[in-house]
Structures are given as structure tokens and as C-alpha cells.
Amino acid sequence: MTIKKIKEELINHIGKNATIKCDLGRNKFEEYDVVIKNIYNHVFIVKLKNDELKSFSYTDVITKTIKINY
């Protein structure tokens, strides 16, 4: 998967719900229910249920540090 493909998928899902699962290492995971807010050159911004904003890089997706389910 390339950064261009990831951006295209995210652009198609701006404003929609998604689930992001983060691999923290040592069998530890965090899962977030989010709304995709903005797309930038190196990162994308999501909004959590508690109105907190969180950013992730496209390389997180490529290296499978995070997984996005739309």
C-alpha cells in the first residue's frame, strides 16, 4: 500500500466513522472510534468521541502500527 492510496481512501471517508486500532507493542493495543476530520501532507487528523483530536502519520498505516476499519 502506498501513501497515495492511503490518502485516497481517507479522502473518501472524511466525515465518516471509522475504528483505529493501535499496536503499542508487547501485545498491548488501543482502539478508538473516530471520525476522520482532515488530511494533510504527512499526517491525518481524527476526532475521538470525547471531542479530542488525534493525529496519525501515513507511515503508521504502511508499517501496520495502526489499522483502520471503515
PDB file of N, CA and C in Angstrom:
ATOM      1  N   MET A   1       0.851  -1.176   0.000  1.00  0.00           N
ATOM      2  CA  MET A   1       0.000   0.000   0.000  1.00  0.00           C
ATOM      3  C   MET A   1       0.898   1.241   0.000  1.00  0.00           C
ATOM      4  N   THR A   2       0.521   2.225  -0.783  1.00  0.00           N
ATOM      5  CA  THR A   2       1.311   3.449  -0.883  1.00  0.00           C
ATOM      6  C   THR A   2       0.616   4.591  -0.160  1.00  0.00           C
ATOM      7  N   ILE A   3       1.366   5.645   0.086  1.00  0.00           N
ATOM      8  CA  ILE A   3       0.805   6.822   0.746  1.00  0.00           C
ATOM      9  C   ILE A   3      -0.316   7.418  -0.092  1.00  0.00           C
ATOM     10  N   LYS A   4      -0.146   7.412  -1.401  1.00  0.00           N
ATOM     11  CA  LYS A   4      -1.176   7.959  -2.298  1.00  0.00           C
ATOM     12  C   LYS A   4      -2.494   7.193  -2.151  1.00  0.00           C
ATOM     13  N   LYS A   5      -2.427   5.864  -2.095  1.00  0.00           N
ATOM     14  CA  LYS A   5      -3.638   5.050  -1.933  1.00  0.00           C
ATOM     15  C   LYS A   5      -4.286   5.289  -0.567  1.00  0.00           C
ATOM     16  N   ILE A   6      -3.469   5.423   0.453  1.00  0.00           N
ATOM     17  CA  ILE A   6      -3.997   5.667   1.795  1.00  0.00           C
ATOM     18  C   ILE A   6      -4.729   7.009   1.830  1.00  0.00           C
ATOM     19  N   LYS A   7      -4.109   8.043   1.234  1.00  0.00           N
ATOM     20  CA  LYS A   7      -4.742   9.367   1.187  1.00  0.00           C
ATOM     21  C   LYS A   7      -6.073   9.308   0.444  1.00  0.00           C
ATOM     22  N   GLU A   8      -6.110   8.583  -0.698  1.00  0.00           N
ATOM     23  CA  GLU A   8      -7.348   8.465  -1.469  1.00  0.00           C
ATOM     24  C   GLU A   8      -8.459   7.819  -0.649  1.00  0.00           C
ATOM     25  N   GLU A   9      -8.124   6.750   0.074  1.00  0.00           N
ATOM     26  CA  GLU A   9      -9.113   6.084   0.923  1.00  0.00           C
ATOM     27  C   GLU A   9      -9.611   7.028   2.012  1.00  0.00           C
ATOM     28  N   LEU A  10      -8.687   7.757   2.653  1.00  0.00           N
ATOM     29  CA  LEU A  10      -9.076   8.663   3.721  1.00  0.00           C
ATOM     30  C   LEU A  10      -9.925   9.814   3.195  1.00  0.00           C
ATOM     31  N   ILE A  11      -9.588  10.335   2.027  1.00  0.00           N
ATOM     32  CA  ILE A  11     -10.377  11.425   1.440  1.00  0.00           C
ATOM     33  C   ILE A  11     -11.812  10.972   1.200  1.00  0.00           C
ATOM     34  N   ASN A  12     -11.987   9.728   0.755  1.00  0.00           N
ATOM     35  CA  ASN A  12     -13.332   9.188   0.520  1.00  0.00           C
ATOM     36  C   ASN A  12     -14.116   8.993   1.813  1.00  0.00           C
ATOM     37  N   HIS A  13     -13.440   8.988   2.951  1.00  0.00           N
ATOM     38  CA  HIS A  13     -14.105   8.735   4.232  1.00  0.00           C
ATOM     39  C   HIS A  13     -14.074   9.936   5.183  1.00  0.00           C
ATOM     40  N   ILE A  14     -13.739  11.122   4.690  1.00  0.00           N
ATOM     41  CA  ILE A  14     -13.752  12.316   5.556  1.00  0.00           C
ATOM     42  C   ILE A  14     -15.170  12.549   6.062  1.00  0.00           C
ATOM     43  N   GLY A  15     -15.285  12.759   7.363  1.00  0.00           N
ATOM     44  CA  GLY A  15     -16.586  12.993   7.990  1.00  0.00           C
ATOM     45  C   GLY A  15     -17.329  11.726   8.355  1.00  0.00           C
ATOM     46  N   LYS A  16     -16.772  10.586   8.043  1.00  0.00           N
ATOM     47  CA  LYS A  16     -17.431   9.312   8.338  1.00  0.00           C
ATOM     48  C   LYS A  16     -16.757   8.620   9.516  1.00  0.00           C
ATOM     49  N   ASN A  17     -17.474   7.690  10.112  1.00  0.00           N
ATOM     50  CA  ASN A  17     -16.957   6.945  11.263  1.00  0.00           C
ATOM     51  C   ASN A  17     -15.969   5.875  10.825  1.00  0.00           C
ATOM     52  N   ALA A  18     -15.008   5.621  11.694  1.00  0.00           N
ATOM     53  CA  ALA A  18     -14.020   4.565  11.478  1.00  0.00           C
ATOM     54  C   ALA A  18     -13.543   4.078  12.832  1.00  0.00           C
ATOM     55  N   THR A  19     -12.864   2.960  12.836  1.00  0.00           N
ATOM     56  CA  THR A  19     -12.240   2.419  14.041  1.00  0.00           C
ATOM     57  C   THR A  19     -10.748   2.289  13.769  1.00  0.00           C
ATOM     58  N   ILE A  20      -9.947   2.808  14.686  1.00  0.00           N
ATOM     59  CA  ILE A  20      -8.499   2.712  14.557  1.00  0.00           C
ATOM     60  C   ILE A  20      -7.971   1.872  15.708  1.00  0.00           C
ATOM     61  N   LYS A  21      -7.186   0.865  15.355  1.00  0.00           N
ATOM     62  CA  LYS A  21      -6.567   0.004  16.356  1.00  0.00           C
ATOM     63  C   LYS A  21      -5.063   0.244  16.310  1.00  0.00           C
ATOM     64  N   CYS A  22      -4.497   0.663  17.446  1.00  0.00           N
ATOM     65  CA  CYS A  22      -3.065   0.977  17.538  1.00  0.00           C
ATOM     66  C   CYS A  22      -2.330  -0.152  18.238  1.00  0.00           C
ATOM     67  N   ASP A  23      -1.226  -0.562  17.652  1.00  0.00           N
ATOM     68  CA  ASP A  23      -0.363  -1.577  18.254  1.00  0.00           C
ATOM     69  C   ASP A  23       0.701  -0.857  19.077  1.00  0.00           C
ATOM     70  N   LEU A  24       0.640  -1.008  20.389  1.00  0.00           N
ATOM     71  CA  LEU A  24       1.579  -0.344  21.286  1.00  0.00           C
ATOM     72  C   LEU A  24       2.779  -1.224  21.621  1.00  0.00           C
ATOM     73  N   GLY A  25       2.818  -2.421  21.080  1.00  0.00           N
ATOM     74  CA  GLY A  25       3.914  -3.339  21.374  1.00  0.00           C
ATOM     75  C   GLY A  25       3.611  -4.200  22.587  1.00  0.00           C
ATOM     76  N   ARG A  26       4.332  -5.299  22.701  1.00  0.00           N
ATOM     77  CA  ARG A  26       4.169  -6.235  23.816  1.00  0.00           C
ATOM     78  C   ARG A  26       2.714  -6.643  24.035  1.00  0.00           C
ATOM     79  N   ASN A  27       2.029  -6.913  22.938  1.00  0.00           N
ATOM     80  CA  ASN A  27       0.628  -7.357  22.962  1.00  0.00           C
ATOM     81  C   ASN A  27      -0.314  -6.352  23.616  1.00  0.00           C
ATOM     82  N   LYS A  28       0.008  -5.078  23.527  1.00  0.00           N
ATOM     83  CA  LYS A  28      -0.866  -4.027  24.041  1.00  0.00           C
ATOM     84  C   LYS A  28      -1.461  -3.273  22.860  1.00  0.00           C
ATOM     85  N   PHE A  29      -2.766  -3.044  22.923  1.00  0.00           N
ATOM     86  CA  PHE A  29      -3.473  -2.364  21.853  1.00  0.00           C
ATOM     87  C   PHE A  29      -4.392  -1.309  22.432  1.00  0.00           C
ATOM     88  N   GLU A  30      -4.620  -0.254  21.657  1.00  0.00           N
ATOM     89  CA  GLU A  30      -5.650   0.740  21.968  1.00  0.00           C
ATOM     90  C   GLU A  30      -6.570   0.807  20.770  1.00  0.00           C
ATOM     91  N   GLU A  31      -7.857   0.941  21.040  1.00  0.00           N
ATOM     92  CA  GLU A  31      -8.826   1.022  19.955  1.00  0.00           C
ATOM     93  C   GLU A  31      -9.645   2.295  20.120  1.00  0.00           C
ATOM     94  N   TYR A  32      -9.820   3.018  19.034  1.00  0.00           N
ATOM     95  CA  TYR A  32     -10.543   4.287  19.048  1.00  0.00           C
ATOM     96  C   TYR A  32     -11.665   4.251  18.026  1.00  0.00           C
ATOM     97  N   ASP A  33     -12.830   4.740  18.425  1.00  0.00           N
ATOM     98  CA  ASP A  33     -13.901   5.022  17.473  1.00  0.00           C
ATOM     99  C   ASP A  33     -13.756   6.486  17.114  1.00  0.00           C
ATOM    100  N   VAL A  34     -13.555   6.776  15.836  1.00  0.00           N
ATOM    101  CA  VAL A  34     -13.190   8.124  15.409  1.00  0.00           C
ATOM    102  C   VAL A  34     -14.034   8.576  14.223  1.00  0.00           C
ATOM    103  N   VAL A  35     -13.934   9.880  13.962  1.00  0.00           N
ATOM    104  CA  VAL A  35     -14.438  10.482  12.731  1.00  0.00           C
ATOM    105  C   VAL A  35     -13.225  11.111  12.059  1.00  0.00           C
ATOM    106  N   ILE A  36     -13.015  10.798  10.800  1.00  0.00           N
ATOM    107  CA  ILE A  36     -11.869  11.349  10.073  1.00  0.00           C
ATOM    108  C   ILE A  36     -12.162  12.813   9.748  1.00  0.00           C
ATOM    109  N   LYS A  37     -11.265  13.705  10.185  1.00  0.00           N
ATOM    110  CA  LYS A  37     -11.503  15.146  10.052  1.00  0.00           C
ATOM    111  C   LYS A  37     -10.743  15.788   8.899  1.00  0.00           C
ATOM    112  N   ASN A  38      -9.422  15.715   8.904  1.00  0.00           N
ATOM    113  CA  ASN A  38      -8.606  16.416   7.912  1.00  0.00           C
ATOM    114  C   ASN A  38      -7.473  15.539   7.407  1.00  0.00           C
ATOM    115  N   ILE A  39      -7.049  15.840   6.181  1.00  0.00           N
ATOM    116  CA  ILE A  39      -5.934  15.140   5.549  1.00  0.00           C
ATOM    117  C   ILE A  39      -4.863  16.184   5.237  1.00  0.00           C
ATOM    118  N   TYR A  40      -3.646  15.914   5.638  1.00  0.00           N
ATOM    119  CA  TYR A  40      -2.521  16.810   5.352  1.00  0.00           C
ATOM    120  C   TYR A  40      -1.426  16.030   4.629  1.00  0.00           C
ATOM    121  N   ASN A  41      -0.325  16.697   4.297  1.00  0.00           N
ATOM    122  CA  ASN A  41       0.741  16.058   3.527  1.00  0.00           C
ATOM    123  C   ASN A  41       1.349  14.846   4.225  1.00  0.00           C
ATOM    124  N   HIS A  42       1.589  14.934   5.522  1.00  0.00           N
ATOM    125  CA  HIS A  42       2.288  13.857   6.222  1.00  0.00           C
ATOM    126  C   HIS A  42       1.459  13.173   7.303  1.00  0.00           C
ATOM    127  N   VAL A  43       0.343  13.782   7.698  1.00  0.00           N
ATOM    128  CA  VAL A  43      -0.499  13.223   8.757  1.00  0.00           C
ATOM    129  C   VAL A  43      -1.968  13.382   8.413  1.00  0.00           C
ATOM    130  N   PHE A  44      -2.802  12.647   9.144  1.00  0.00           N
ATOM    131  CA  PHE A  44      -4.243  12.868   9.075  1.00  0.00           C
ATOM    132  C   PHE A  44      -4.773  13.000  10.492  1.00  0.00           C
ATOM    133  N   ILE A  45      -5.841  13.785  10.626  1.00  0.00           N
ATOM    134  CA  ILE A  45      -6.409  14.116  11.929  1.00  0.00           C
ATOM    135  C   ILE A  45      -7.747  13.404  12.087  1.00  0.00           C
ATOM    136  N   VAL A  46      -7.953  12.829  13.260  1.00  0.00           N
ATOM    137  CA  VAL A  46      -9.232  12.198  13.583  1.00  0.00           C
ATOM    138  C   VAL A  46      -9.774  12.800  14.877  1.00  0.00           C
ATOM    139  N   LYS A  47     -11.081  12.716  15.026  1.00  0.00           N
ATOM    140  CA  LYS A  47     -11.742  13.233  16.226  1.00  0.00           C
ATOM    141  C   LYS A  47     -12.312  12.050  17.002  1.00  0.00           C
ATOM    142  N   LEU A  48     -11.934  11.956  18.271  1.00  0.00           N
ATOM    143  CA  LEU A  48     -12.426  10.888  19.138  1.00  0.00           C
ATOM    144  C   LEU A  48     -13.819  11.242  19.655  1.00  0.00           C
ATOM    145  N   LYS A  49     -14.464  10.286  20.294  1.00  0.00           N
ATOM    146  CA  LYS A  49     -15.817  10.510  20.822  1.00  0.00           C
ATOM    147  C   LYS A  49     -15.869  11.620  21.868  1.00  0.00           C
ATOM    148  N   ASN A  50     -14.777  11.807  22.618  1.00  0.00           N
ATOM    149  CA  ASN A  50     -14.757  12.842  23.654  1.00  0.00           C
ATOM    150  C   ASN A  50     -14.280  14.192  23.098  1.00  0.00           C
ATOM    151  N   ASP A  51     -14.380  14.383  21.778  1.00  0.00           N
ATOM    152  CA  ASP A  51     -14.008  15.612  21.071  1.00  0.00           C
ATOM    153  C   ASP A  51     -12.511  15.898  21.088  1.00  0.00           C
ATOM    154  N   GLU A  52     -11.713  14.947  21.507  1.00  0.00           N
ATOM    155  CA  GLU A  52     -10.260  15.094  21.462  1.00  0.00           C
ATOM    156  C   GLU A  52      -9.784  14.820  20.040  1.00  0.00           C
ATOM    157  N   LEU A  53      -8.805  15.591  19.574  1.00  0.00           N
ATOM    158  CA  LEU A  53      -8.219  15.371  18.259  1.00  0.00           C
ATOM    159  C   LEU A  53      -6.934  14.576  18.392  1.00  0.00           C
ATOM    160  N   LYS A  54      -6.703  13.691  17.443  1.00  0.00           N
ATOM    161  CA  LYS A  54      -5.507  12.856  17.461  1.00  0.00           C
ATOM    162  C   LYS A  54      -4.991  12.770  16.030  1.00  0.00           C
ATOM    163  N   SER A  55      -3.668  12.763  15.884  1.00  0.00           N
ATOM    164  CA  SER A  55      -3.098  12.688  14.540  1.00  0.00           C
ATOM    165  C   SER A  55      -2.292  11.405  14.383  1.00  0.00           C
ATOM    166  N   PHE A  56      -2.270  10.916  13.158  1.00  0.00           N
ATOM    167  CA  PHE A  56      -1.511   9.730  12.794  1.00  0.00           C
ATOM    168  C   PHE A  56      -0.805  10.006  11.481  1.00  0.00           C
ATOM    169  N   SER A  57       0.325   9.356  11.274  1.00  0.00           N
ATOM    170  CA  SER A  57       1.036   9.520  10.004  1.00  0.00           C
ATOM    171  C   SER A  57       0.659   8.378   9.059  1.00  0.00           C
ATOM    172  N   TYR A  58       0.875   8.599   7.781  1.00  0.00           N
ATOM    173  CA  TYR A  58       0.583   7.569   6.789  1.00  0.00           C
ATOM    174  C   TYR A  58       1.548   6.390   6.935  1.00  0.00           C
ATOM    175  N   THR A  59       2.747   6.663   7.428  1.00  0.00           N
ATOM    176  CA  THR A  59       3.704   5.572   7.629  1.00  0.00           C
ATOM    177  C   THR A  59       3.251   4.635   8.743  1.00  0.00           C
ATOM    178  N   ASP A  60       2.436   5.140   9.685  1.00  0.00           N
ATOM    179  CA  ASP A  60       1.853   4.263  10.708  1.00  0.00           C
ATOM    180  C   ASP A  60       0.983   3.192  10.055  1.00  0.00           C
ATOM    181  N   VAL A  61       0.262   3.574   9.016  1.00  0.00           N
ATOM    182  CA  VAL A  61      -0.599   2.628   8.302  1.00  0.00           C
ATOM    183  C   VAL A  61       0.254   1.652   7.498  1.00  0.00           C
ATOM    184  N   ILE A  62       1.271   2.165   6.810  1.00  0.00           N
ATOM    185  CA  ILE A  62       2.129   1.324   5.979  1.00  0.00           C
ATOM    186  C   ILE A  62       2.869   0.290   6.826  1.00  0.00           C
ATOM    187  N   THR A  63       3.378   0.698   7.977  1.00  0.00           N
ATOM    188  CA  THR A  63       4.131  -0.216   8.855  1.00  0.00           C
ATOM    189  C   THR A  63       3.216  -1.056   9.746  1.00  0.00           C
ATOM    190  N   LYS A  64       1.915  -0.881   9.591  1.00  0.00           N
ATOM    191  CA  LYS A  64       0.893  -1.628  10.332  1.00  0.00           C
ATOM    192  C   LYS A  64       0.946  -1.371  11.832  1.00  0.00           C
ATOM    193  N   THR A  65       1.413  -0.191  12.206  1.00  0.00           N
ATOM    194  CA  THR A  65       1.347   0.229  13.599  1.00  0.00           C
ATOM    195  C   THR A  65      -0.100   0.533  13.966  1.00  0.00           C
ATOM    196  N   ILE A  66      -0.862   1.024  12.982  1.00  0.00           N
ATOM    197  CA  ILE A  66      -2.294   1.219  13.173  1.00  0.00           C
ATOM    198  C   ILE A  66      -3.039   0.543  12.038  1.00  0.00           C
ATOM    199  N   LYS A  67      -4.272   0.150  12.336  1.00  0.00           N
ATOM    200  CA  LYS A  67      -5.156  -0.436  11.322  1.00  0.00           C
ATOM    201  C   LYS A  67      -6.454   0.356  11.350  1.00  0.00           C
ATOM    202  N   ILE A  68      -6.936   0.718  10.173  1.00  0.00           N
ATOM    203  CA  ILE A  68      -8.163   1.494  10.056  1.00  0.00           C
ATOM    204  C   ILE A  68      -9.257   0.612   9.464  1.00  0.00           C
ATOM    205  N   ASN A  69     -10.383   0.553  10.144  1.00  0.00           N
ATOM    206  CA  ASN A  69     -11.566  -0.137   9.638  1.00  0.00           C
ATOM    207  C   ASN A  69     -12.654   0.886   9.408  1.00  0.00           C
ATOM    208  N   TYR A  70     -13.100   0.961   8.160  1.00  0.00           N
ATOM    209  CA  TYR A  70     -14.145   1.944   7.810  1.00  0.00           C
ATOM    210  C   TYR A  70     -15.516   1.364   8.004  1.00  0.00           C
TER     211      TYR A  70
END
